[in-house]
Amino acid sequence: MLFFEIASADEEEAAAEYKARIADELEDGLLIENPLNIITGRMKRLFLGDELSVYYLSEDGIKHYFDSHVIGFRDDVVKLIKIRKPDPARITKVQRRHFLRVAADLEVAVNLSGNIRFVTVTDDVGGGGISFICDGKWSIKPGMEMDCWLLIPYKNGTLEHASFKAEVVRAEDLVTGRKQIMSKYIAIGDSERQKIIRYCFERQLEFRGR
């Protein structure tokens, strides 16, 4: 039995805990049954790319944590969900909740208070935030909030825009005179986050195929 939380922009949803039985183990993943909310008993629908913070209990009752995400589905007697199998070396007794991030140079428009507006490219993107390099002349400090619009190209040739509000976590001066800004989302719709996670998922598959 696996127990997990699902990455979500909604705080209540992100705090909900689910359980699902492992139906089968494959070479590249685990097939699990439809998850149930531990408190309400209601079934939860998962989507491709959903990121999961998972744990299981060993026989001695110790929780073992790993991060995973939904990589596919299989129709059996019941519909099964395929999640990424964890690398044994990355299973830990300490919970580490984080989102998948991938290196990516995507165009992003940034709007800060004080009429600071510019367009730049990202350094990396993920389901929990983005980082980017910008001109050193901008006075950007940790704690500042930004309205951002991210241009996302998919492998099938389509383009999507994802808008969100982010908070600056770190701002580092680079030797080039530019700045690296690291941020986390503080307001992002589920559909917007899914666009970004889908892109990360495609990029991860691309890296694996190299």
Protein backbone atom coordinates (compact mmCIF):
# COMPACT_ATOMS: atom_id res chain seq x y z
CA MET A 1 0.00 0.00 0.00
CA LEU A 2 1.27 3.45 -0.92
CA PHE A 3 0.28 6.68 0.83
CA PHE A 4 0.79 10.02 -0.89
CA GLU A 5 0.00 13.69 -1.31
CA ILE A 6 -0.52 15.34 -4.70
CA ALA A 7 1.14 18.58 -5.77
CA SER A 8 -1.57 21.21 -6.14
CA ALA A 9 -2.00 25.00 -6.13
CA ASP A 10 -4.91 24.49 -3.74
CA GLU A 11 -3.62 24.28 -0.14
CA GLU A 12 -6.46 22.03 1.01
CA GLU A 13 -5.93 19.67 -1.91
CA ALA A 14 -2.14 19.65 -1.39
CA ALA A 15 -2.64 18.68 2.26
CA ALA A 16 -5.02 15.78 1.50
CA GLU A 17 -3.57 12.29 1.89
CA TYR A 18 -4.47 9.35 -0.32
CA LYS A 19 -3.78 5.64 -0.36
CA ALA A 20 -3.57 3.20 -3.24
CA ARG A 21 -2.69 -0.46 -3.53
CA ILE A 22 0.14 -1.53 -5.83
CA ALA A 23 -1.39 -3.81 -8.47
CA ASP A 24 1.80 -4.71 -10.34
CA GLU A 25 5.48 -3.86 -10.57
CA LEU A 26 6.96 -3.23 -14.01
CA GLU A 27 10.52 -2.69 -15.08
CA ASP A 28 9.97 1.05 -15.54
CA GLY A 29 7.15 1.79 -13.13
CA LEU A 30 4.51 0.75 -10.64
CA LEU A 31 0.85 0.15 -11.47
CA ILE A 32 -1.44 1.34 -8.72
CA GLU A 33 -5.19 1.16 -8.24
CA ASN A 34 -7.32 4.33 -8.13
CA PRO A 35 -6.35 6.26 -4.98
CA LEU A 36 -8.80 6.92 -2.17
CA ASN A 37 -8.87 9.93 0.12
CA ILE A 38 -7.91 8.54 3.54
CA ILE A 39 -10.42 10.74 5.40
CA THR A 40 -13.44 10.83 3.04
CA GLY A 41 -12.91 7.51 1.25
CA ARG A 42 -13.64 9.22 -2.07
CA MET A 43 -11.82 8.13 -5.19
CA LYS A 44 -9.32 10.61 -6.64
CA ARG A 45 -8.69 10.99 -10.36
CA LEU A 46 -5.04 11.39 -11.31
CA PHE A 47 -3.72 13.04 -14.48
CA LEU A 48 -0.61 12.50 -16.57
CA GLY A 49 2.28 14.41 -15.00
CA ASP A 50 0.71 14.73 -11.53
CA GLU A 51 3.55 14.89 -9.02
CA LEU A 52 3.34 12.76 -5.89
CA SER A 53 5.08 12.77 -2.52
CA VAL A 54 4.84 9.09 -1.57
CA TYR A 55 5.62 6.89 1.42
CA TYR A 56 5.13 3.27 2.35
CA LEU A 57 5.42 1.52 5.71
CA SER A 58 8.01 -1.18 6.24
CA GLU A 59 7.25 -4.17 8.45
CA ASP A 60 8.78 -2.38 11.44
CA GLY A 61 6.38 0.55 10.90
CA ILE A 62 8.95 3.02 9.57
CA LYS A 63 7.88 5.40 6.79
CA HIS A 64 10.01 5.37 3.65
CA TYR A 65 9.55 8.40 1.34
CA PHE A 66 10.11 8.95 -2.35
CA ASP A 67 8.96 11.35 -5.06
CA SER A 68 7.14 10.12 -8.15
CA HIS A 69 4.78 11.25 -10.89
CA VAL A 70 2.10 9.76 -13.13
CA ILE A 71 3.57 8.44 -16.39
CA GLY A 72 0.62 6.59 -17.91
CA PHE A 73 -2.48 4.45 -17.53
CA ARG A 74 -3.50 0.86 -18.26
CA ASP A 75 -7.01 -0.50 -18.74
CA ASP A 76 -7.35 -3.80 -16.89
CA VAL A 77 -10.37 -5.13 -15.01
CA VAL A 78 -10.16 -1.69 -13.45
CA LYS A 79 -8.19 1.28 -14.74
CA LEU A 80 -4.67 1.26 -13.31
CA ILE A 81 -2.34 4.23 -12.97
CA LYS A 82 1.33 3.91 -13.84
CA ILE A 83 3.75 5.92 -11.71
CA ARG A 84 7.51 6.24 -11.93
CA LYS A 85 9.35 3.60 -9.91
CA PRO A 86 11.74 5.18 -7.41
CA ASP A 87 15.48 4.72 -7.57
CA PRO A 88 16.23 2.70 -4.39
CA ALA A 89 19.07 5.13 -3.62
CA ARG A 90 16.55 8.00 -3.48
CA ILE A 91 14.18 6.35 -1.00
CA THR A 92 14.65 8.11 2.33
CA LYS A 93 13.24 8.12 5.85
CA VAL A 94 12.95 11.91 5.64
CA GLN A 95 10.14 13.51 3.64
CA ARG A 96 11.42 15.83 0.90
CA ARG A 97 8.52 17.53 -0.85
CA HIS A 98 9.66 19.14 -4.05
CA PHE A 99 8.65 19.40 -7.67
CA LEU A 100 10.43 18.12 -10.71
CA ARG A 101 12.48 20.89 -12.34
CA VAL A 102 14.11 20.84 -15.76
CA ALA A 103 16.64 23.11 -17.42
CA ALA A 104 14.78 25.17 -20.03
CA ASP A 105 15.21 28.49 -21.84
CA LEU A 106 11.58 29.55 -22.19
CA GLU A 107 10.48 33.12 -22.82
CA VAL A 108 8.90 34.72 -19.75
CA ALA A 109 7.39 38.18 -19.29
CA VAL A 110 7.85 39.57 -15.77
CA ASN A 111 5.92 42.39 -14.11
CA LEU A 112 6.99 43.66 -10.67
CA SER A 113 5.71 46.56 -8.61
CA GLY A 114 7.35 49.89 -9.32
CA ASN A 115 6.80 49.60 -13.07
CA ILE A 116 9.53 47.01 -13.51
CA ARG A 117 8.60 45.07 -16.64
CA PHE A 118 10.85 43.00 -18.86
CA VAL A 119 11.00 39.87 -21.01
CA THR A 120 13.75 37.30 -20.47
CA VAL A 121 14.32 33.55 -20.64
CA THR A 122 14.12 30.97 -17.88
CA ASP A 123 17.03 29.03 -16.47
CA ASP A 124 14.82 26.20 -15.27
CA VAL A 125 11.10 25.57 -14.79
CA GLY A 126 9.06 23.21 -12.66
CA GLY A 127 5.77 22.55 -10.98
CA GLY A 128 6.83 24.57 -7.94
CA GLY A 129 8.55 27.59 -9.46
CA ILE A 130 10.95 28.98 -12.05
CA SER A 131 14.33 30.64 -12.17
CA PHE A 132 15.60 33.07 -14.77
CA ILE A 133 18.53 35.32 -15.66
CA CYS A 134 17.84 39.04 -16.07
CA ASP A 135 19.63 42.36 -16.45
CA GLY A 136 21.52 43.41 -13.32
CA LYS A 137 19.95 46.89 -13.42
CA TRP A 138 16.65 45.59 -12.02
CA SER A 139 16.33 45.95 -8.25
CA ILE A 140 14.85 42.54 -7.42
CA LYS A 141 14.97 41.32 -3.81
CA PRO A 142 13.81 38.16 -1.98
CA GLY A 143 10.18 38.44 -0.90
CA MET A 144 9.13 40.55 -3.92
CA GLU A 145 6.10 39.31 -5.86
CA MET A 146 5.99 39.02 -9.64
CA ASP A 147 3.23 38.49 -12.19
CA CYS A 148 4.62 36.23 -14.91
CA TRP A 149 3.53 34.95 -18.30
CA LEU A 150 5.44 31.90 -19.56
CA LEU A 151 5.49 30.79 -23.22
CA ILE A 152 5.51 26.99 -23.39
CA PRO A 153 6.28 25.07 -26.63
CA TYR A 154 5.30 21.40 -26.78
CA LYS A 155 6.81 18.64 -28.90
CA ASN A 156 3.71 18.50 -31.13
CA GLY A 157 4.35 22.10 -32.21
CA THR A 158 1.62 23.77 -30.15
CA LEU A 159 2.28 26.81 -27.96
CA GLU A 160 0.63 27.58 -24.63
CA HIS A 161 0.83 30.49 -22.20
CA ALA A 162 0.86 29.92 -18.44
CA SER A 163 0.28 32.86 -16.12
CA PHE A 164 1.01 32.89 -12.40
CA LYS A 165 2.13 34.99 -9.46
CA ALA A 166 5.51 34.08 -7.98
CA GLU A 167 7.60 35.18 -5.02
CA VAL A 168 11.34 35.78 -5.28
CA VAL A 169 13.15 33.27 -3.06
CA ARG A 170 16.72 34.18 -3.98
CA ALA A 171 18.42 36.85 -6.11
CA GLU A 172 22.10 36.29 -6.90
CA ASP A 173 24.49 38.67 -8.67
CA LEU A 174 26.48 36.90 -11.38
CA VAL A 175 30.02 37.68 -12.47
CA THR A 176 28.57 38.66 -15.86
CA GLY A 177 26.78 41.60 -14.23
CA ARG A 178 23.41 39.91 -14.67
CA LYS A 179 21.20 38.43 -11.95
CA GLN A 180 19.81 34.96 -11.37
CA ILE A 181 16.34 35.03 -9.83
CA MET A 182 14.86 31.94 -8.16
CA SER A 183 11.16 31.98 -7.39
CA LYS A 184 8.26 29.88 -6.15
CA TYR A 185 4.61 30.03 -7.24
CA ILE A 186 2.27 31.63 -4.74
CA ALA A 187 -0.81 31.81 -6.97
CA ILE A 188 -1.25 29.51 -9.96
CA GLY A 189 -4.31 27.75 -11.36
CA ASP A 190 -4.35 23.96 -11.60
CA SER A 191 -4.64 24.12 -15.40
CA GLU A 192 -1.67 26.53 -15.59
CA ARG A 193 0.46 24.29 -13.37
CA GLN A 194 -0.50 21.25 -15.46
CA LYS A 195 0.76 23.01 -18.61
CA ILE A 196 4.16 23.49 -16.96
CA ILE A 197 4.29 19.96 -15.54
CA ARG A 198 3.39 18.55 -18.96
CA TYR A 199 6.31 20.47 -20.48
CA CYS A 200 8.67 19.20 -17.73
CA PHE A 201 7.47 15.66 -18.36
CA GLU A 202 8.18 15.98 -22.11
CA ARG A 203 11.62 17.43 -21.40
CA GLN A 204 12.45 14.64 -18.97
CA LEU A 205 11.52 12.02 -21.59
CA GLU A 206 13.65 13.91 -24.10
CA PHE A 207 16.66 13.86 -21.76
CA ARG A 208 16.21 10.15 -21.09
CA GLY A 209 16.09 9.43 -24.83
CA ARG A 210 19.48 11.03 -25.47
